[in-house]
Protein backbone atom coordinates (compact mmCIF):
# COMPACT_ATOMS: atom_id res chain seq x y z
CA MET A 1 -0.03 -0.01 0.08
CA ILE A 2 1.27 3.53 -0.84
CA GLU A 3 1.96 5.85 2.14
CA ASN A 4 1.56 9.62 2.29
CA LEU A 5 4.83 11.48 1.89
CA ASN A 6 5.45 13.52 4.95
CA LYS A 7 8.25 14.31 7.22
CA GLN A 8 7.19 11.79 9.89
CA SER A 9 6.68 8.81 7.45
CA PHE A 10 9.72 9.66 5.36
CA ALA A 11 12.13 10.43 8.08
CA PRO A 12 13.70 7.08 8.17
CA PHE A 13 14.61 7.11 4.47
CA GLY A 14 15.61 10.64 3.72
CA LYS A 15 14.30 14.30 3.91
CA ILE A 16 11.56 16.14 2.21
CA LEU A 17 12.49 19.60 0.74
CA ARG A 18 10.48 22.72 1.03
CA ASP A 19 8.90 23.30 -2.47
CA SER A 20 8.70 26.94 -1.79
CA LEU A 21 12.50 27.18 -1.96
CA PRO A 22 14.14 28.31 -5.22
CA ASN A 23 14.43 25.47 -7.62
CA ARG A 24 12.15 23.54 -5.15
CA GLY A 25 15.24 22.90 -2.79
CA PHE A 26 17.44 21.36 -5.55
CA PRO A 27 21.18 22.43 -5.20
CA LYS A 28 22.62 24.58 -8.03
CA GLY A 29 26.09 24.92 -9.26
CA ASP A 30 28.77 23.43 -11.34
CA ASP A 31 29.21 20.67 -8.98
CA TRP A 32 25.74 19.27 -9.85
CA VAL A 33 24.09 17.55 -12.83
CA GLU A 34 20.32 18.00 -13.17
CA PHE A 35 18.30 15.93 -15.72
CA VAL A 36 14.77 14.46 -16.33
CA ARG A 37 14.29 10.73 -16.60
CA TYR A 38 11.36 9.01 -18.11
CA TYR A 39 9.85 5.66 -16.78
CA HIS A 40 7.40 3.22 -18.34
CA ALA A 41 5.29 0.68 -16.47
CA LYS A 42 6.63 -2.17 -18.76
CA GLU A 43 10.25 -1.65 -17.71
CA LEU A 44 10.92 -1.04 -14.02
CA TYR A 45 14.04 -1.66 -12.04
CA PHE A 46 15.77 -0.73 -8.70
CA GLN A 47 18.54 2.11 -8.84
CA ARG A 48 21.00 3.62 -6.37
CA ALA A 49 23.65 6.48 -6.31
CA ALA A 50 26.94 6.56 -4.34
CA GLN A 51 26.02 10.00 -3.34
CA GLU A 52 22.99 11.91 -2.20
CA LEU A 53 20.26 12.11 -4.87
CA TYR A 54 17.45 14.76 -5.32
CA LEU A 55 14.20 13.71 -6.81
CA ASP A 56 10.96 15.49 -7.65
CA PHE A 57 7.89 14.47 -9.76
CA GLU A 58 7.66 16.17 -13.31
CA LEU A 59 4.81 14.48 -15.14
CA GLY A 60 2.35 11.68 -14.32
CA MET A 61 1.39 10.09 -11.11
CA THR A 62 4.55 8.76 -9.73
CA VAL A 63 5.37 6.36 -6.78
CA LEU A 64 8.84 6.13 -5.02
CA VAL A 65 9.51 2.62 -3.77
CA ILE A 66 12.37 2.25 -1.35
CA ARG A 67 14.04 -1.14 -0.59
CA ARG A 68 15.70 -1.68 2.74
CA LYS A 69 16.84 -5.18 3.52
CA GLU A 70 14.31 -6.77 1.04
CA LYS A 71 11.36 -4.70 2.67
CA LEU A 72 9.70 -2.31 0.34
CA THR A 73 8.08 0.88 1.41
CA SER A 74 6.09 3.07 -1.10
CA PHE A 75 5.47 6.68 -1.15
CA TYR A 76 3.38 8.92 -3.52
CA LEU A 77 6.05 11.31 -4.88
CA ASP A 78 4.24 14.62 -4.83
CA LYS A 79 7.08 16.76 -3.09
CA PRO A 80 10.83 17.11 -3.68
CA VAL A 81 12.91 14.69 -1.70
CA CYS A 82 16.51 13.93 -1.04
CA LEU A 83 17.79 10.33 -0.69
CA PRO A 84 21.03 9.41 1.27
CA PRO A 85 23.93 7.68 -0.58
CA MET A 86 23.33 3.98 -1.64
CA THR A 87 19.55 4.06 -1.09
CA GLU A 88 17.88 1.49 -3.28
CA PHE A 89 14.76 2.86 -4.98
CA ALA A 90 12.48 2.30 -7.98
CA ILE A 91 10.32 4.90 -9.73
CA VAL A 92 6.93 3.46 -10.61
CA PRO A 93 4.43 5.05 -12.90
CA TYR A 94 0.96 4.73 -11.26
CA GLN A 95 -0.57 4.55 -14.77
CA GLN A 96 1.57 3.94 -17.98
CA GLU A 97 4.38 6.40 -17.78
CA CYS A 98 5.95 9.33 -15.75
CA SER A 99 8.97 11.61 -15.66
CA VAL A 100 11.12 12.52 -12.66
CA ARG A 101 13.57 15.46 -12.27
CA MET A 102 16.69 14.32 -10.58
CA SER A 103 19.97 16.10 -9.46
CA LEU A 104 23.29 14.21 -8.65
CA PRO A 105 26.80 15.34 -7.63
CA LEU A 106 29.05 15.75 -10.73
CA HIS A 107 30.71 12.51 -11.82
CA THR A 108 28.28 10.41 -9.71
CA ALA A 109 26.59 7.56 -11.61
CA LEU A 110 23.06 6.33 -11.17
CA GLU A 111 23.45 2.64 -11.07
CA GLN A 112 20.78 0.30 -12.36
CA LEU A 113 20.01 -2.85 -10.19
CA ASP A 114 17.61 -5.70 -10.62
CA SER A 115 14.16 -5.51 -12.15
CA PHE A 116 11.01 -4.54 -10.21
CA THR A 117 7.78 -6.20 -10.85
CA ALA A 118 5.46 -5.85 -7.76
CA VAL A 119 3.37 -3.12 -9.27
CA ASP A 120 0.05 -4.53 -8.28
CA ASP A 121 0.96 -4.65 -4.65
CA LEU A 122 1.09 -0.96 -4.56
CA LYS A 123 -2.60 -0.59 -5.24
CA ILE A 124 -5.59 -1.33 -2.95
CA ARG A 125 -7.44 -4.05 -4.51
CA ASP A 126 -9.89 -6.89 -3.53
CA ARG A 127 -8.29 -9.95 -1.98
CA LEU A 128 -11.79 -11.51 -1.94
CA ARG A 129 -14.02 -11.13 -4.94
CA LEU A 130 -17.69 -11.67 -4.54
CA GLY A 131 -19.48 -12.66 -7.79
CA GLU A 132 -23.19 -13.21 -8.39
CA ILE A 133 -25.65 -13.74 -5.61
CA TYR A 134 -28.20 -16.38 -6.82
CA THR A 135 -30.62 -16.93 -3.91
CA LEU A 136 -31.30 -15.26 -0.62
CA PHE A 137 -34.04 -16.89 1.35
CA TYR A 138 -34.96 -16.04 4.98
CA ARG A 139 -37.46 -18.82 6.04
CA GLU A 140 -39.11 -20.30 8.98
CA GLU A 141 -39.63 -24.11 9.05
CA GLU A 142 -41.90 -26.15 11.15
CA SER A 143 -40.76 -29.09 13.22
CA GLY A 144 -40.00 -32.07 11.16
CA PHE A 145 -38.57 -30.09 8.14
CA LEU A 146 -36.39 -31.95 5.87
CA PHE A 147 -34.48 -30.88 2.67
CA LYS A 148 -33.21 -34.04 1.08
CA GLY A 149 -30.05 -32.49 -0.34
CA GLU A 150 -28.28 -31.00 -3.44
CA ARG A 151 -24.98 -30.04 -4.83
CA HIS A 152 -24.11 -26.98 -7.03
CA SER A 153 -21.40 -25.02 -8.39
CA MET A 154 -21.59 -21.97 -6.02
CA TYR A 155 -20.85 -21.42 -2.37
CA GLU A 156 -23.81 -21.32 0.10
CA LEU A 157 -24.09 -20.22 3.67
CA THR A 158 -26.69 -20.96 6.17
CA TYR A 159 -27.19 -18.94 9.39
CA VAL A 160 -29.81 -19.99 12.14
CA ASP A 161 -31.60 -17.11 13.63
CA ARG A 162 -33.73 -19.12 15.96
CA GLY A 163 -34.11 -22.70 16.97
CA GLN A 164 -31.61 -25.25 15.60
CA LEU A 165 -31.03 -26.93 12.22
CA HIS A 166 -29.04 -30.16 11.39
CA CYS A 167 -26.79 -29.73 8.39
CA VAL A 168 -25.24 -32.85 6.82
CA VAL A 169 -22.30 -32.08 4.52
CA GLU A 170 -20.65 -35.01 2.78
CA GLY A 171 -21.94 -37.47 5.44
CA ASN A 172 -20.90 -35.22 8.46
CA SER A 173 -23.80 -33.88 10.59
CA GLU A 174 -23.51 -30.49 12.33
CA THR A 175 -26.23 -29.04 14.57
CA LEU A 176 -26.47 -25.19 14.07
CA LYS A 177 -27.83 -23.35 16.99
CA GLN A 178 -28.98 -19.93 17.22
CA GLY A 179 -26.34 -17.42 16.20
CA GLN A 180 -24.32 -19.97 14.26
CA MET A 181 -23.38 -20.25 10.55
CA MET A 182 -22.04 -22.79 8.23
CA PHE A 183 -20.64 -22.66 4.62
CA PHE A 184 -21.06 -25.24 1.81
CA ALA A 185 -18.23 -25.26 -0.77
CA PRO A 186 -18.98 -25.52 -4.48
CA GLU A 187 -19.91 -29.12 -5.57
CA GLN A 188 -20.11 -30.03 -1.73
CA TRP A 189 -23.24 -32.23 -1.35
CA HIS A 190 -25.61 -31.07 1.69
CA MET A 191 -28.83 -31.59 3.22
CA GLN A 192 -30.67 -30.12 6.19
CA TYR A 193 -33.47 -31.25 8.62
CA THR A 194 -34.96 -30.19 11.95
CA ASP A 195 -36.01 -32.53 14.87
CA LEU A 196 -39.58 -33.44 15.13
CA ASN A 197 -40.20 -31.08 18.16
CA VAL A 198 -37.93 -28.22 16.96
CA THR A 199 -38.72 -25.36 14.53
CA ALA A 200 -36.12 -23.27 13.00
CA ARG A 201 -35.69 -19.70 11.39
CA PHE A 202 -32.71 -19.41 9.18
CA LEU A 203 -31.10 -17.64 6.22
CA THR A 204 -29.46 -19.25 3.30
CA ILE A 205 -27.53 -17.30 0.48
CA ALA A 206 -25.95 -18.92 -2.56
CA PHE A 207 -23.19 -16.85 -4.23
CA ASP A 208 -19.99 -17.03 -6.27
CA MET A 209 -16.70 -15.80 -4.82
CA ASP A 210 -12.99 -16.33 -5.52
CA SER A 211 -9.72 -15.10 -4.02
CA ASP A 212 -5.97 -15.23 -4.59
CA LEU A 213 -5.71 -16.47 -0.98
CA PRO A 214 -6.83 -19.96 0.27
CA LEU A 215 -10.31 -20.07 1.28
CA SER A 216 -11.04 -22.70 4.09
CA LEU A 217 -14.57 -21.92 5.02
CA ALA A 218 -16.25 -25.21 4.39
CA ASN A 219 -16.87 -27.84 7.13
CA ARG A 220 -16.69 -25.25 9.91
CA VAL A 221 -19.23 -23.97 12.38
CA PHE A 222 -18.91 -20.27 13.08
CA ASP A 223 -20.34 -18.54 16.14
CA LEU A 224 -20.90 -15.03 14.86
CA SER A 225 -20.04 -11.91 16.75
CA SER A 226 -22.70 -9.14 17.24
CA ALA A 227 -20.99 -7.12 14.58
CA GLU A 228 -21.16 -10.06 12.09
CA ALA A 229 -24.86 -10.67 12.87
CA ALA A 230 -25.53 -6.90 12.32
CA PHE A 231 -24.20 -7.42 8.67
CA LEU A 232 -26.75 -10.02 8.12
CA LYS A 233 -29.56 -7.98 9.81
CA GLN A 234 -28.78 -5.07 7.48
CA LEU A 235 -28.61 -7.41 4.53
CA LEU A 236 -32.11 -8.57 5.30
CA HIS A 237 -33.25 -4.98 5.87
CA GLU A 238 -32.23 -4.17 2.42
CA THR A 239 -34.38 -6.90 1.04
CA GLU A 240 -37.43 -4.92 2.52
CA ILE A 241 -36.28 -1.58 1.23
CA ASN A 242 -35.64 -3.03 -2.27
CA ASP A 243 -34.75 0.12 -4.08
CA THR A 244 -32.22 1.09 -6.73
CA PHE A 245 -29.21 0.54 -4.42
CA SER A 246 -30.56 -2.36 -2.31
CA GLY A 247 -28.56 -4.86 -4.30
CA ASP A 248 -25.25 -2.97 -3.74
CA PHE A 249 -25.95 -2.80 -0.09
CA ILE A 250 -26.70 -6.46 0.17
CA ARG A 251 -23.50 -7.42 -1.65
CA GLY A 252 -21.54 -4.86 0.39
CA ASN A 253 -22.85 -6.44 3.78
CA LEU A 254 -22.33 -9.94 2.58
CA LYS A 255 -18.72 -9.14 1.62
CA LEU A 256 -18.10 -7.51 5.01
CA LEU A 257 -19.39 -10.65 6.73
CA LEU A 258 -17.06 -12.83 4.64
CA LEU A 259 -14.18 -10.74 5.27
CA SER A 260 -14.77 -10.56 9.10
CA VAL A 261 -15.09 -14.35 9.23
CA LEU A 262 -11.89 -14.87 7.15
CA ARG A 263 -9.90 -12.42 9.22
CA ASP A 264 -10.86 -14.24 12.47
CA LEU A 265 -10.29 -17.68 11.00
CA GLY A 266 -8.33 -19.60 13.50
CA GLY A 267 -9.49 -17.48 16.40
CA LYS A 268 -11.00 -18.98 19.58
CA LYS A 269 -14.64 -18.33 18.54
CA LYS A 270 -14.21 -20.34 15.36
CA ARG A 271 -13.89 -24.11 15.53
CA LEU A 272 -13.14 -26.87 13.05
CA LYS A 273 -15.69 -29.69 13.45
CA THR A 274 -14.52 -32.39 10.99
CA PRO A 275 -12.03 -34.82 12.42
CA VAL A 276 -9.91 -36.50 9.69
CA ALA A 277 -10.63 -39.91 11.43
CA LEU A 278 -14.35 -39.63 10.49
CA ARG A 279 -13.80 -39.12 6.70
CA ASN A 280 -14.75 -42.89 5.76
CA GLU A 281 -17.71 -42.82 8.03
CA ASN A 282 -18.77 -39.50 6.53
CA LEU A 283 -18.43 -41.04 3.01
CA ILE A 284 -20.77 -43.86 3.83
CA VAL A 285 -23.38 -41.69 5.40
CA SER A 286 -23.11 -39.14 2.53
CA ARG A 287 -23.43 -42.04 -0.13
CA THR A 288 -26.53 -43.37 1.82
CA LEU A 289 -28.25 -39.94 1.97
CA GLN A 290 -27.84 -39.47 -1.76
CA TYR A 291 -28.95 -42.86 -2.59
CA ILE A 292 -32.07 -42.40 -0.57
CA ALA A 293 -32.82 -39.12 -2.29
CA GLU A 294 -32.33 -40.48 -5.70
CA HIS A 295 -34.51 -43.58 -5.01
CA VAL A 296 -37.28 -41.99 -2.90
CA TYR A 297 -39.91 -43.73 -5.10
CA ASP A 298 -38.45 -47.20 -4.70
CA LYS A 299 -39.42 -49.65 -1.82
CA LEU A 300 -36.70 -48.70 0.65
CA SER A 301 -35.58 -50.69 3.75
CA VAL A 302 -32.52 -50.24 5.96
CA GLU A 303 -31.34 -53.61 4.63
CA THR A 304 -31.52 -52.73 0.97
CA VAL A 305 -30.11 -49.34 1.45
CA ALA A 306 -27.12 -50.82 3.56
CA LYS A 307 -26.55 -53.38 0.85
CA GLU A 308 -26.46 -50.61 -1.83
CA THR A 309 -23.97 -48.64 0.16
CA GLY A 310 -21.70 -51.69 1.02
CA VAL A 311 -22.10 -51.98 4.78
CA SER A 312 -24.27 -54.05 7.15
CA ALA A 313 -27.62 -52.86 8.38
CA SER A 314 -26.32 -52.67 11.89
CA HIS A 315 -23.23 -50.73 10.99
CA LEU A 316 -25.23 -48.36 9.00
CA THR A 317 -27.74 -47.76 11.90
CA ALA A 318 -24.82 -47.11 14.28
CA LEU A 319 -23.34 -44.53 11.88
CA PHE A 320 -26.64 -42.70 11.46
CA HIS A 321 -27.12 -42.61 15.33
CA ARG A 322 -23.64 -41.34 15.71
CA GLN A 323 -23.53 -38.86 12.84
CA MET A 324 -27.16 -37.71 12.48
CA ASN A 325 -28.87 -38.57 15.83
CA ILE A 326 -31.66 -40.30 13.85
CA SER A 327 -31.98 -43.94 12.61
CA PRO A 328 -31.79 -44.68 8.82
CA GLY A 329 -35.40 -46.10 8.89
CA GLU A 330 -36.66 -42.92 10.40
CA TYR A 331 -34.74 -40.84 7.87
CA ILE A 332 -36.17 -42.86 4.82
CA ARG A 333 -39.66 -42.28 6.37
CA ARG A 334 -39.12 -38.52 6.62
CA VAL A 335 -37.75 -38.23 3.11
CA LYS A 336 -40.85 -40.09 1.76
CA LEU A 337 -43.17 -37.97 3.66
CA GLU A 338 -41.50 -34.83 2.53
CA GLU A 339 -41.69 -35.79 -1.10
CA SER A 340 -45.55 -36.63 -0.56
CA LYS A 341 -46.09 -33.02 0.39
CA CYS A 342 -44.44 -31.98 -2.95
CA LEU A 343 -46.74 -34.37 -4.83
CA ILE A 344 -49.91 -33.16 -2.90
CA ARG A 345 -48.92 -29.53 -3.86
CA GLU A 346 -48.53 -30.53 -7.56
CA GLY A 347 -52.19 -31.79 -7.44
CA LYS A 348 -51.85 -34.24 -10.25
CA MET A 349 -52.38 -37.43 -8.26
CA ASN A 350 -54.82 -38.52 -5.51
CA PHE A 351 -53.76 -39.87 -2.11
CA SER A 352 -54.04 -43.49 -3.17
CA GLN A 353 -51.77 -42.77 -6.12
CA ILE A 354 -49.31 -40.86 -4.03
CA ALA A 355 -49.12 -43.71 -1.47
CA ALA A 356 -48.53 -46.16 -4.27
CA LYS A 357 -45.96 -44.10 -5.96
CA LEU A 358 -43.88 -43.85 -2.83
CA ASN A 359 -44.31 -47.58 -2.08
CA TYR A 360 -46.43 -47.46 1.01
CA SER A 361 -48.14 -50.76 1.74
CA THR A 362 -51.58 -49.04 2.09
CA ILE A 363 -53.11 -45.55 1.94
CA HIS A 364 -53.98 -45.84 5.55
CA HIS A 365 -50.25 -46.59 6.46
CA PHE A 366 -49.34 -43.58 4.50
CA SER A 367 -52.08 -41.26 6.04
CA ARG A 368 -51.14 -42.40 9.55
CA GLN A 369 -47.44 -41.66 9.23
CA PHE A 370 -48.14 -38.20 7.48
CA LYS A 371 -50.37 -37.17 10.43
CA ASP A 372 -47.82 -38.51 13.07
CA ASN A 373 -45.03 -36.46 11.42
CA PHE A 374 -46.84 -33.22 10.43
CA GLY A 375 -49.72 -33.13 12.99
CA ILE A 376 -52.33 -33.04 10.23
CA SER A 377 -53.70 -35.54 7.74
CA PRO A 378 -52.98 -35.50 3.97
CA SER A 379 -56.40 -34.15 3.27
CA GLU A 380 -56.05 -31.33 5.76
CA TYR A 381 -52.79 -30.39 4.38
CA ALA A 382 -54.25 -30.31 0.87
CA LYS A 383 -56.99 -27.89 1.96
CA SER A 384 -54.44 -25.64 3.84
CA ILE A 385 -52.32 -25.09 0.74
CA LYS A 386 -55.43 -24.12 -1.28
CA THR A 387 -56.30 -21.38 1.18
CA GLU A 388 -52.77 -19.90 1.06
């Protein structure tokens, strides 16, 4: 980053001349040689002189870079300065080219050293680049909610505002409580559900981002600070305002949140939740969840699903209880019931046809499980969505 050229900041490197002096403080006489040198952004290099050197900008935006023990310090050259002997420096045009007036003692050479290429580091630029925001949903789900899973090419975050929500990522289950957030990386399969006696209010945002720094956000649960939660609050407020600039404010607050989380990564309030030792178990659970989601219309049992995923039914049951706090049989039942709600909303089949499509033994079995899970019968649910 470029520093302002003033007496305090420049004192360790040289002295600033009073530009109100004659010849802007440059020495005059036969013992001095004064000249103008042009610099182009395509050809940059370090220089030094055996004697003191006077510099002043002439044309173009000019940066003076001083190297001391491999450390670079950059100043915007808008005043005349004097550098001590053997000071290594580079003149950098902030745009394409610039010219600098110089003065050296007679018979003193300006020595050219190695090339200089770190021009981009002089400018303030984004280390994190936020791309498109695809979805932004703030939702409240009833107890027994289940989203059977997906993978996509963008990042996604989930923040729980109230209640708690189970998130299963590549087979590893995390329980997000109020004030906690989790990220899903591109192409990372994930699903979500709530317990039968717990509701959840949460925010999900899907977006693109990239960086020239490593981003290790996935597989972590973050406890948000009050300042970070405020970014989300303001972001949601902008969805209500919804004027010409709301999109810019939404993007700005999302980026501030991401930057704050990345800056604090590794701090005490952030914790990594995925032990390496659980990777094989996570893979089995993930494979099972995806199989169930893709075969929801088949006749599924714990035994058949376990066989398809290459483990015993007892081992699969133990994994589900340990990773998700739910049995595989209960999970299958909830996926099928969640799918039945989608079919009821479509309105293309009657209840008998829906029960048969989802491989229930009888319509009565289907209706009883639906009411046990959602608290209302399929017919009552159908009536409720017609009045919405």
